[in-house]
Protein backbone atom coordinates (compact mmCIF):
# COMPACT_ATOMS: atom_id res chain seq x y z
CA MET A 1 134.80 61.65 166.91
CA GLU A 2 131.56 59.73 167.46
CA ALA A 3 129.59 62.38 165.55
CA LYS A 4 132.01 62.16 162.60
CA PHE A 5 131.70 58.39 162.53
CA GLN A 6 127.91 58.69 162.56
CA ILE A 7 128.06 61.05 159.59
CA PHE A 8 130.32 58.56 157.81
CA LEU A 9 127.76 55.79 158.39
CA ILE A 10 124.99 58.07 157.11
CA LEU A 11 127.00 58.75 153.96
CA LEU A 12 127.53 55.02 153.41
CA ALA A 13 123.80 54.36 153.82
CA VAL A 14 122.92 57.16 151.40
CA LEU A 15 125.54 55.90 148.97
CA ALA A 16 124.04 52.41 148.89
CA ALA A 17 120.42 53.62 148.73
CA THR A 18 121.20 56.10 145.96
CA ALA A 19 123.05 53.47 143.95
CA LEU A 20 120.03 51.16 144.16
CA LEU A 21 117.78 53.99 143.00
CA ALA A 22 120.15 54.77 140.14
CA ARG A 23 120.00 51.15 139.02
CA ARG A 24 116.20 51.23 138.98
CA LEU A 25 116.13 54.54 137.09
CA HIS A 26 118.96 53.45 134.71
CA VAL A 27 120.91 56.59 135.62
CA ALA A 28 124.62 56.87 136.34
CA PRO A 29 125.08 56.69 140.14
CA ALA A 30 127.46 59.69 140.10
CA ILE A 31 124.57 61.97 139.11
CA LEU A 32 122.34 60.89 141.98
CA TRP A 33 125.27 60.86 144.43
CA LEU A 34 125.96 64.51 143.63
CA LEU A 35 122.30 65.48 143.96
CA ALA A 36 121.94 63.48 147.19
CA GLY A 37 124.96 65.29 148.61
CA ILE A 38 123.33 68.66 147.85
CA VAL A 39 120.10 67.57 149.56
CA LEU A 40 121.98 66.31 152.62
CA ALA A 41 123.89 69.59 152.90
CA PHE A 42 120.67 71.56 153.45
CA ILE A 43 119.00 69.20 155.93
CA PRO A 44 118.46 71.14 159.20
CA GLY A 45 120.94 70.08 161.85
CA MET A 46 123.32 68.45 159.38
CA PRO A 47 126.82 69.78 160.13
CA ALA A 48 128.80 71.34 157.32
CA ILE A 49 131.46 69.08 155.84
CA GLU A 50 134.41 70.88 154.30
CA LEU A 51 136.19 68.95 151.56
CA PRO A 52 139.95 69.50 151.99
CA PRO A 53 141.58 69.89 148.55
CA ASP A 54 144.52 67.71 149.61
CA LEU A 55 142.07 64.89 150.30
CA ILE A 56 141.31 64.69 146.57
CA LEU A 57 144.64 65.61 145.05
CA LEU A 58 146.82 63.55 147.39
CA LEU A 59 144.62 60.76 148.76
CA VAL A 60 141.74 60.13 146.36
CA LEU A 61 143.13 60.88 142.89
CA PRO A 62 146.11 58.43 142.92
CA PRO A 63 144.09 55.20 143.45
CA LEU A 64 141.39 56.33 141.00
CA ILE A 65 143.93 57.02 138.25
CA TYR A 66 146.02 53.93 139.01
CA SER A 67 143.04 51.57 139.03
CA ALA A 68 141.77 52.92 135.71
CA SER A 69 145.28 52.68 134.23
CA VAL A 70 145.71 49.05 135.28
CA ALA A 71 142.31 48.23 133.75
CA MET A 72 143.31 50.04 130.56
CA SER A 73 144.75 48.10 127.61
CA TRP A 74 148.25 49.37 126.80
CA ARG A 75 147.86 48.11 123.23
CA GLU A 76 144.63 50.07 122.74
CA PHE A 77 146.05 53.09 124.57
CA ARG A 78 149.08 53.13 122.27
CA PHE A 79 146.96 52.67 119.13
CA ASN A 80 144.74 55.62 120.12
CA LEU A 81 147.58 57.73 121.56
CA ARG A 82 147.14 60.52 119.01
CA ALA A 83 143.43 60.93 119.72
CA ILE A 84 143.99 60.67 123.47
CA GLY A 85 146.83 63.21 123.38
CA LEU A 86 144.84 65.67 121.28
CA LEU A 87 142.05 65.56 123.87
CA ALA A 88 144.09 65.26 127.06
CA ILE A 89 146.58 67.98 126.11
CA GLY A 90 145.24 69.94 123.15
CA CYS A 91 141.58 70.15 124.16
CA VAL A 92 142.43 71.06 127.77
CA ILE A 93 144.73 73.92 126.66
CA PHE A 94 142.20 75.08 124.04
CA THR A 95 139.37 75.07 126.58
CA ALA A 96 141.42 76.94 129.18
CA CYS A 97 142.30 79.61 126.60
CA ALA A 98 138.67 79.86 125.43
CA VAL A 99 137.47 80.39 129.01
CA ALA A 100 140.18 83.01 129.57
CA VAL A 101 139.20 84.93 126.44
CA ALA A 102 135.47 84.79 127.16
CA THR A 103 135.72 85.77 130.83
CA HIS A 104 138.18 88.59 130.08
CA TYR A 105 136.12 90.25 127.37
CA LEU A 106 132.61 89.42 128.62
CA LEU A 107 133.07 89.46 132.40
CA GLY A 108 136.06 91.73 132.75
CA LEU A 109 138.25 89.25 134.63
CA PRO A 110 142.03 89.78 134.45
CA TRP A 111 143.80 87.54 131.95
CA ALA A 112 145.63 85.52 134.59
CA VAL A 113 142.44 84.95 136.62
CA GLY A 114 140.51 83.93 133.51
CA PHE A 115 143.23 81.49 132.50
CA LEU A 116 143.29 80.10 136.05
CA LEU A 117 139.54 79.53 135.93
CA GLY A 118 139.96 77.89 132.53
CA ALA A 119 142.60 75.50 133.87
CA ILE A 120 140.25 74.57 136.72
CA VAL A 121 137.20 73.72 134.58
CA ALA A 122 139.02 72.43 131.47
CA PRO A 123 139.60 68.72 132.34
CA PRO A 124 136.66 66.30 132.11
CA ASP A 125 136.31 63.96 135.06
CA VAL A 126 138.12 60.63 135.14
CA VAL A 127 135.15 58.76 136.66
CA ALA A 128 131.72 60.09 135.73
CA PRO A 129 131.87 60.08 131.89
CA LEU A 130 132.95 56.44 131.74
CA ALA A 131 130.38 55.41 134.34
CA ILE A 132 127.73 56.88 132.07
CA ALA A 133 129.22 55.78 128.74
CA ARG A 134 129.84 52.13 129.66
CA LYS A 135 126.14 51.55 130.37
CA LEU A 136 125.21 52.67 126.85
CA GLY A 137 127.00 49.97 124.86
CA LEU A 138 129.23 52.44 122.98
CA PRO A 139 131.84 51.19 120.50
CA ARG A 140 135.06 50.12 122.14
CA ARG A 141 137.22 52.82 120.57
CA ILE A 142 135.06 55.62 121.97
CA LEU A 143 135.39 54.14 125.45
CA VAL A 144 139.17 53.74 125.07
CA VAL A 145 139.59 57.35 123.93
CA LEU A 146 137.40 58.68 126.75
CA GLU A 147 139.19 56.53 129.32
CA GLY A 148 142.62 57.53 128.07
CA GLU A 149 141.65 61.18 128.06
CA GLY A 150 140.33 60.95 131.61
CA LEU A 151 143.60 59.42 132.75
CA ALA A 152 145.92 62.03 131.26
CA ASN A 153 144.00 65.32 131.10
CA ASP A 154 144.30 66.02 134.83
CA ALA A 155 148.07 66.26 134.41
CA THR A 156 147.72 68.95 131.74
CA ALA A 157 145.17 70.87 133.80
CA LEU A 158 147.18 70.70 137.03
CA ILE A 159 150.34 71.94 135.30
CA LEU A 160 148.42 74.81 133.68
CA TYR A 161 146.81 75.54 137.04
CA ARG A 162 150.20 75.88 138.72
CA PHE A 163 151.55 78.11 135.94
CA ALA A 164 148.51 80.41 136.17
CA LEU A 165 148.59 80.45 139.97
CA ALA A 166 152.29 81.33 139.95
CA ALA A 167 151.61 84.15 137.47
CA ILE A 168 148.97 85.63 139.78
CA MET A 169 151.07 85.23 142.91
CA THR A 170 154.28 86.65 141.40
CA GLY A 171 152.96 88.78 138.55
CA MET A 172 155.38 87.12 136.10
CA PHE A 173 154.92 84.52 133.38
CA SER A 174 157.28 83.22 130.67
CA LEU A 175 155.71 81.12 127.91
CA PRO A 176 159.03 79.57 126.67
CA LYS A 177 160.00 78.64 130.23
CA ALA A 178 156.54 77.23 130.95
CA SER A 179 156.59 75.18 127.71
CA GLY A 180 160.01 73.74 128.51
CA SER A 181 158.91 72.86 132.04
CA PHE A 182 155.77 71.18 130.65
CA VAL A 183 157.78 68.90 128.33
CA ALA A 184 160.33 68.11 131.06
CA ILE A 185 157.57 67.19 133.53
CA LEU A 186 155.90 64.85 131.02
CA ALA A 187 159.14 63.06 130.11
CA GLY A 188 160.35 62.80 133.70
CA GLU A 189 157.06 61.49 135.04
CA ILE A 190 156.74 58.83 132.32
CA ALA A 191 160.21 57.48 133.15
CA PHE A 192 159.54 57.62 136.90
CA GLY A 193 156.17 55.89 136.58
CA ILE A 194 157.62 53.03 134.54
CA ALA A 195 160.40 52.61 137.12
CA ILE A 196 157.89 52.44 139.99
CA GLY A 197 155.79 49.92 138.06
CA TRP A 198 158.86 47.73 137.50
CA LEU A 199 159.85 47.91 141.18
CA SER A 200 156.29 47.20 142.31
CA LEU A 201 155.99 44.04 140.22
CA ARG A 202 159.38 42.76 141.40
CA ALA A 203 158.54 43.43 145.04
CA ARG A 204 155.17 41.71 144.71
CA ARG A 205 156.73 38.73 142.95
CA TYR A 206 159.23 38.42 145.79
CA ALA A 207 156.47 38.63 148.46
CA ARG A 208 154.40 35.71 147.13
CA ASP A 209 151.61 36.40 149.61
CA PRO A 210 148.22 37.83 148.49
CA GLN A 211 147.81 40.09 151.53
CA ILE A 212 151.29 41.56 151.19
CA GLU A 213 150.97 41.92 147.41
CA ILE A 214 147.63 43.74 147.67
CA THR A 215 149.12 46.03 150.32
CA LEU A 216 152.01 46.79 147.97
CA SER A 217 149.55 47.44 145.15
CA LEU A 218 147.78 49.98 147.36
CA LEU A 219 151.06 51.75 148.11
CA THR A 220 152.14 51.83 144.45
CA PRO A 221 149.92 54.70 143.19
CA TYR A 222 150.81 56.91 146.15
CA ILE A 223 154.56 56.44 145.60
CA ALA A 224 154.12 57.10 141.87
CA TYR A 225 152.01 60.22 142.54
CA TRP A 226 153.42 61.85 145.68
CA ILE A 227 157.11 62.04 144.75
CA PRO A 228 156.66 63.87 141.38
CA GLU A 229 153.94 66.06 142.93
CA HIS A 230 156.28 67.01 145.76
CA LEU A 231 159.00 67.90 143.25
CA GLY A 232 156.72 70.29 141.36
CA GLY A 233 155.12 67.98 138.78
CA SER A 234 151.54 66.79 138.62
CA GLY A 235 152.03 63.14 139.66
CA VAL A 236 149.22 62.11 137.31
CA ILE A 237 151.36 61.11 134.32
CA ALA A 238 153.67 59.06 136.55
CA THR A 239 150.68 57.22 138.02
CA VAL A 240 149.23 56.56 134.57
CA ALA A 241 152.58 55.29 133.26
CA CYS A 242 152.95 53.05 136.31
CA GLY A 243 149.45 51.60 135.89
CA LEU A 244 149.88 50.97 132.16
CA TYR A 245 153.23 49.24 132.76
CA ILE A 246 151.65 46.93 135.34
CA SER A 247 148.66 46.33 133.06
CA TRP A 248 150.95 45.16 130.25
CA ASN A 249 153.52 43.21 132.29
CA GLY A 250 151.54 42.05 135.32
CA PRO A 251 149.39 39.17 133.99
CA LEU A 252 152.28 36.66 133.89
CA LEU A 253 153.85 37.88 137.16
CA ILE A 254 150.84 38.23 139.49
CA PRO A 255 149.63 34.91 141.00
CA ALA A 256 146.02 33.80 140.54
CA ALA A 257 145.16 34.05 144.26
CA THR A 258 146.41 37.65 144.39
CA ARG A 259 144.54 38.55 141.23
CA LEU A 260 141.22 37.15 142.48
CA GLN A 261 141.46 38.86 145.86
CA GLY A 262 142.89 42.03 144.34
CA ILE A 263 140.01 42.45 141.90
CA PHE A 264 137.49 42.33 144.75
CA PHE A 265 139.58 44.66 146.92
CA TRP A 266 140.13 47.30 144.25
CA ASP A 267 136.53 47.16 142.99
CA LEU A 268 135.24 47.85 146.50
CA ILE A 269 137.81 50.57 147.24
CA ILE A 270 137.12 52.43 143.99
CA TYR A 271 133.36 52.09 144.42
CA LEU A 272 133.48 53.60 147.91
CA ILE A 273 135.89 56.36 146.87
CA GLU A 274 133.77 57.37 143.89
CA GLY A 275 130.51 57.33 145.82
CA LEU A 276 131.76 59.23 148.86
CA LEU A 277 133.60 61.69 146.64
CA PHE A 278 130.51 62.74 144.69
CA LEU A 279 128.44 62.89 147.89
CA LEU A 280 131.04 65.18 149.46
CA ILE A 281 131.17 67.33 146.32
CA GLY A 282 127.42 67.85 146.66
CA PHE A 283 127.92 68.68 150.32
CA GLN A 284 130.05 71.68 149.31
CA MET A 285 127.03 73.46 147.83
CA ARG A 286 126.02 74.86 151.20
CA ALA A 287 129.43 76.35 151.99
CA ILE A 288 129.82 77.68 148.45
CA LEU A 289 126.47 79.48 148.62
CA GLU A 290 127.40 81.01 151.96
CA ARG A 291 130.69 82.32 150.54
CA SER A 292 129.00 83.77 147.45
CA GLU A 293 126.52 85.98 149.35
CA GLU A 294 128.59 89.07 148.58
CA PHE A 295 127.92 88.61 144.86
CA ALA A 296 124.65 89.45 143.16
CA PHE A 297 122.86 86.27 142.12
CA ASP A 298 122.54 87.51 138.55
CA ASP A 299 126.30 88.01 138.31
CA ILE A 300 127.26 84.55 139.52
CA ALA A 301 124.48 82.90 137.50
CA VAL A 302 125.61 84.63 134.30
CA ALA A 303 129.25 83.76 134.98
CA THR A 304 128.41 80.12 135.67
CA LEU A 305 126.20 79.69 132.59
CA LEU A 306 128.75 81.45 130.40
CA VAL A 307 131.67 79.29 131.51
CA ALA A 308 129.59 76.10 131.29
CA ALA A 309 128.55 76.99 127.75
CA ILE A 310 132.15 77.79 126.80
CA VAL A 311 133.57 74.48 128.08
CA VAL A 312 130.87 72.50 126.25
CA LEU A 313 131.18 74.49 123.02
CA ALA A 314 134.99 74.51 123.09
CA ARG A 315 135.05 70.72 123.25
CA PHE A 316 132.86 70.43 120.14
CA LEU A 317 134.95 73.05 118.33
CA TRP A 318 138.05 70.99 119.11
CA VAL A 319 137.01 67.36 118.56
CA TYR A 320 135.96 67.64 114.91
CA PRO A 321 139.14 69.29 113.54
CA ALA A 322 141.27 67.11 115.84
CA THR A 323 139.57 64.01 114.40
CA TYR A 324 139.52 64.79 110.69
CA LEU A 325 142.46 67.15 110.01
CA PRO A 326 145.17 64.54 110.80
CA ARG A 327 143.48 62.17 108.34
CA LEU A 328 143.40 64.82 105.65
CA MET A 329 147.07 65.63 106.19
CA SER A 330 148.49 62.10 106.54
CA LYS A 331 148.07 59.24 104.09
CA ARG A 332 149.56 56.85 106.65
CA ILE A 333 146.82 57.66 109.17
CA ARG A 334 144.13 57.18 106.50
CA ALA A 335 145.58 53.77 105.63
CA ARG A 336 145.94 52.63 109.23
CA GLU A 337 142.69 53.85 110.78
CA ARG A 338 139.09 53.73 109.71
CA ARG A 339 137.49 57.14 109.41
CA PRO A 340 135.11 57.64 112.37
CA SER A 341 131.58 58.81 111.69
CA TRP A 342 130.49 62.30 112.68
CA ARG A 343 128.03 60.64 115.08
CA ALA A 344 130.84 58.96 117.04
CA VAL A 345 132.77 62.23 117.21
CA PHE A 346 129.63 63.99 118.44
CA VAL A 347 129.30 61.51 121.31
CA VAL A 348 132.93 62.10 122.30
CA GLY A 349 132.25 65.83 122.29
CA PHE A 350 129.12 65.37 124.37
CA THR A 351 130.85 63.56 127.23
CA GLY A 352 132.78 66.50 128.67
CA VAL A 353 131.56 65.99 132.24
CA ARG A 354 133.52 67.86 134.91
CA GLY A 355 134.12 66.47 138.38
CA ALA A 356 136.27 66.22 141.47
CA VAL A 357 139.58 67.65 140.23
CA SER A 358 137.91 70.87 139.12
CA LEU A 359 136.41 71.42 142.58
CA ALA A 360 139.60 70.37 144.39
CA THR A 361 141.78 72.83 142.49
CA ALA A 362 139.24 75.62 143.09
CA LEU A 363 139.14 74.84 146.81
CA ALA A 364 142.95 74.78 146.90
CA LEU A 365 143.24 78.44 145.86
CA PRO A 366 144.96 80.55 148.56
CA PHE A 367 142.90 83.16 150.39
CA THR A 368 145.53 85.92 150.09
CA LEU A 369 148.36 87.06 147.84
CA PRO A 370 151.94 87.44 149.14
CA ASP A 371 151.31 91.14 149.83
CA GLY A 372 148.40 90.30 152.14
CA SER A 373 145.60 91.36 149.79
CA GLY A 374 142.75 89.00 149.04
CA PHE A 375 143.11 86.49 146.20
CA PRO A 376 141.27 88.01 143.18
CA GLU A 377 137.79 86.58 142.51
CA ARG A 378 138.40 83.49 144.66
CA ASP A 379 134.77 82.97 145.72
CA LEU A 380 133.48 83.60 142.20
CA ILE A 381 135.91 81.00 140.81
CA LEU A 382 134.77 78.48 143.44
CA PHE A 383 131.07 79.00 142.70
CA VAL A 384 131.58 78.86 138.93
CA ALA A 385 133.62 75.64 139.22
CA PHE A 386 130.88 73.95 141.25
CA GLY A 387 128.21 75.22 138.86
CA VAL A 388 130.05 73.82 135.85
CA ILE A 389 130.33 70.43 137.58
CA LEU A 390 126.62 70.42 138.39
CA ILE A 391 125.51 71.56 134.92
CA THR A 392 127.74 69.18 132.96
CA LEU A 393 127.26 66.13 135.19
CA VAL A 394 123.49 66.41 135.50
CA GLY A 395 122.74 68.07 132.16
CA LEU A 396 125.04 66.10 129.88
CA GLY A 397 124.86 62.94 131.97
CA LEU A 398 121.07 62.70 131.87
CA THR A 399 120.76 63.56 128.17
CA LEU A 400 123.63 61.42 126.87
CA PRO A 401 121.54 58.20 126.70
CA ALA A 402 118.93 59.98 124.55
CA VAL A 403 121.69 61.37 122.30
CA VAL A 404 123.28 57.94 121.86
CA THR A 405 119.90 56.40 121.04
CA ALA A 406 118.99 59.15 118.58
CA LEU A 407 122.32 58.82 116.76
CA GLY A 408 122.19 55.02 116.65
CA ILE A 409 125.64 54.62 118.19
CA GLY A 410 124.37 51.79 120.39
CA ARG A 411 123.76 49.62 117.30
CA ASP A 412 127.37 50.09 116.22
CA GLY A 413 128.49 49.19 119.72
CA ARG A 414 126.42 46.01 119.74
CA SER A 415 127.82 44.80 116.41
CA GLU A 416 131.34 45.45 117.69
CA HIS A 417 130.50 43.72 120.96
CA ILE A 418 129.32 40.59 119.14
CA ALA A 419 132.47 40.50 117.00
CA GLU A 420 134.63 40.92 120.12
CA HIS A 421 132.95 37.99 121.88
CA GLU A 422 133.19 35.79 118.79
CA ALA A 423 136.93 36.50 118.72
CA GLU A 424 137.04 35.65 122.43
CA ILE A 425 135.34 32.29 121.82
CA THR A 426 137.82 31.53 119.03
CA ALA A 427 140.73 32.40 121.34
CA ARG A 428 139.33 30.20 124.11
CA ARG A 429 139.03 27.25 121.74
CA ALA A 430 142.54 27.80 120.39
CA ALA A 431 143.96 28.01 123.92
CA LEU A 432 142.25 24.75 124.88
CA ALA A 433 143.59 23.09 121.72
CA ALA A 434 147.12 24.33 122.47
CA ALA A 435 146.93 23.02 126.03
CA LEU A 436 145.62 19.67 124.81
CA GLN A 437 148.48 19.38 122.31
CA SER A 438 150.97 19.98 125.11
CA LEU A 439 149.39 17.28 127.29
CA ASP A 440 151.49 14.47 125.83
CA ALA A 441 154.71 16.42 126.34
CA LEU A 442 153.74 17.27 129.91
CA THR A 443 152.90 13.69 130.81
CA ASP A 444 156.01 12.10 129.24
CA GLY A 445 158.42 10.86 131.86
CA ARG A 446 155.85 11.02 134.65
CA GLU A 447 154.34 7.96 136.21
CA LEU A 448 150.73 8.73 135.47
CA SER A 449 148.03 6.15 134.95
CA ALA A 450 145.91 6.08 131.83
CA GLU A 451 142.93 7.04 134.00
CA VAL A 452 144.58 10.29 135.08
CA VAL A 453 145.41 11.22 131.48
CA LYS A 454 141.83 10.37 130.52
CA LEU A 455 140.51 12.69 133.22
CA LEU A 456 142.76 15.51 131.99
CA ARG A 457 141.47 15.07 128.44
CA ALA A 458 137.89 14.95 129.70
CA ARG A 459 138.46 18.26 131.52
CA HIS A 460 139.38 19.90 128.23
CA ASP A 461 136.43 18.30 126.42
CA ILE A 462 134.01 19.61 129.04
CA ARG A 463 135.42 23.13 128.86
CA ALA A 464 135.35 23.06 125.04
CA HIS A 465 131.69 22.03 124.99
CA GLN A 466 130.80 24.94 127.29
CA LEU A 467 131.68 27.37 124.50
CA PRO A 468 128.96 28.21 121.94
CA ALA A 469 129.65 27.85 118.24
CA SER A 470 128.72 31.53 117.79
CA LEU A 471 126.68 34.24 119.46
CA ASP A 472 123.73 34.33 117.08
CA ASP A 473 122.73 30.70 116.63
CA LYS A 474 120.89 28.00 118.52
CA ALA A 475 124.13 26.67 119.97
CA TYR A 476 124.55 29.83 122.03
CA ALA A 477 120.95 29.62 123.27
CA ALA A 478 121.53 26.01 124.27
CA THR A 479 124.71 26.97 126.11
CA ALA A 480 122.88 29.74 127.96
CA ASN A 481 120.18 27.26 129.03
CA ALA A 482 122.89 24.84 130.18
CA ARG A 483 124.46 27.59 132.31
CA ALA A 484 121.11 28.30 133.93
CA LEU A 485 120.79 24.60 134.80
CA VAL A 486 124.33 24.55 136.20
CA ARG A 487 123.37 27.44 138.49
CA GLU A 488 120.40 25.47 139.75
CA LEU A 489 122.65 22.46 140.37
CA ILE A 490 125.12 24.67 142.27
CA ALA A 491 122.25 26.00 144.39
CA ALA A 492 121.10 22.47 145.17
CA GLU A 493 124.66 21.52 146.12
CA ARG A 494 124.88 24.53 148.44
CA GLN A 495 121.69 23.53 150.20
CA PHE A 496 122.93 19.98 150.67
CA ILE A 497 126.29 21.14 152.07
CA HIS A 498 124.48 23.49 154.45
CA ALA A 499 122.32 20.57 155.64
CA GLN A 500 125.46 18.46 156.14
CA LEU A 501 126.93 21.23 158.28
CA ARG A 502 123.75 21.49 160.37
CA ALA A 503 123.79 17.75 160.88
CA GLY A 504 127.38 17.89 162.14
CA LYS A 505 128.75 15.69 159.35
CA ILE A 506 131.27 18.28 158.14
CA THR A 507 133.09 21.14 159.84
CA ASP A 508 132.76 24.84 159.03
CA GLU A 509 136.25 24.77 157.57
CA ALA A 510 135.28 22.01 155.15
CA ARG A 511 132.08 23.87 154.26
CA ARG A 512 134.10 27.02 153.43
CA ARG A 513 136.45 25.10 151.13
CA ILE A 514 133.51 23.54 149.27
CA GLU A 515 131.74 26.88 149.05
CA ARG A 516 134.84 28.53 147.60
CA ASP A 517 134.92 25.94 144.80
CA LEU A 518 131.23 26.53 144.12
CA ASP A 519 131.74 30.31 144.19
CA LEU A 520 134.58 30.08 141.68
CA GLU A 521 132.49 27.89 139.39
CA GLU A 522 129.55 30.29 139.55
CA ALA A 523 131.84 33.26 138.92
CA SER A 524 133.31 31.41 135.95
CA LEU A 525 129.81 31.00 134.50
CA ALA A 526 129.13 34.70 134.86
CA ASN A 527 132.51 35.54 133.30
CA ARG A 528 131.64 33.56 130.15
CA GLU A 529 128.22 35.11 129.65
CA PHE A 530 127.66 37.38 126.69
CA ARG A 531 126.13 40.73 127.53
CA SER A 532 124.69 42.93 124.86
CA GLY A 533 125.59 46.06 126.82
């Protein structure tokens, strides 16, 4: 037990150090976490760490999907539902079929085994692509489509995986039956996820305690995921539906104290899960190499490169027709949506990074068939899955910034970012004006002095003056300078309060209350800052 805890502490230290290095190198941390895990695996004396598939599918995946779903905008998800569905369902099925065809005719794998391998490597990761894309200042719609795809594609892949696995284990497969089951699973999980989201919000509203509410929020994704998964579904769609329901309905039901503490809690949990997950994926390299010794290196290298090339090429072959054909066929779509540039579509095609779910499903393959014989090509599938993760994460992840720069997508993203923040400033001013208009109605019938009303009006005036007139004029520069001065004033106030504590003039409890107010003010300044991305 002590040795395991020491390894856990080592992983945490490596996680933090690697993240700092990634920040200095302007590289997505997931890339360096994976590479660091590989290096750790081959350090002499380092014990092998097996990554149980259930750890990912049952313990790690639910909070990752739920957190991303809650952060997702339901309005934007619904607006981009066609594009998300074509990627999360259509592209996954197309990629799985392409891998099956290529491995059957070029490598001689049986159809069922090839389709199983395709289902394993078809879904892009839910974490890594967004971690890379968000740092590049991409247009908002690209990020929404990638995020929505990452949320839903695991469900498609896991259902295909179970169909293919059942076909290998039993030797039977019925396409009509599988298609009907697929539709039933999707519909049932959506309804179940919405129901769990509704129950979760009601339970949290009844609790009215931040600690209890955050505990309930942690339980929510597991309830939404485990029950459908246990009944033969994927659990992913239910978790996504639950998260989107809470995202849309939660803002007016979740108290401010719970929201502030919950944001910190979930940010830390997801950060640790993502970091440790990619480190542990890298750790599997040692065990995978040991299992693949019975294969000739040329054979596994060719298989890995072939499948990696197929999954990358298949995505490009899918995204262009899926983007432009619906617009050619539907006048309503042409009228509602602006036609995306080929450069934006290319970036979407370039972000097909594979990750944890691909490795987890490969590791979850049984060792034997029901008749006692070995599972066909199990070790080859495992090695190829890891190789595809490594090639796509490192290869595509490291080159994506250069691709975005060469295509000029970052400029489009910056223009959109400026327009978004200008709309935000307008909304802030309108909200302040609406609150000020309601001040008279709120104060009628209450015994309030003129001084109190004056202070309330002054509060609104101060907040209104903190907003710049726009993002590209001198007013914004002046506001930015004022924020810098406010930070210096906050720092001076902190030093004075600390001196008062040392002198025994205030208690620690009083110091904490003052510090909390200062922390909230400083966080509010950071929240209002414009970032160019």
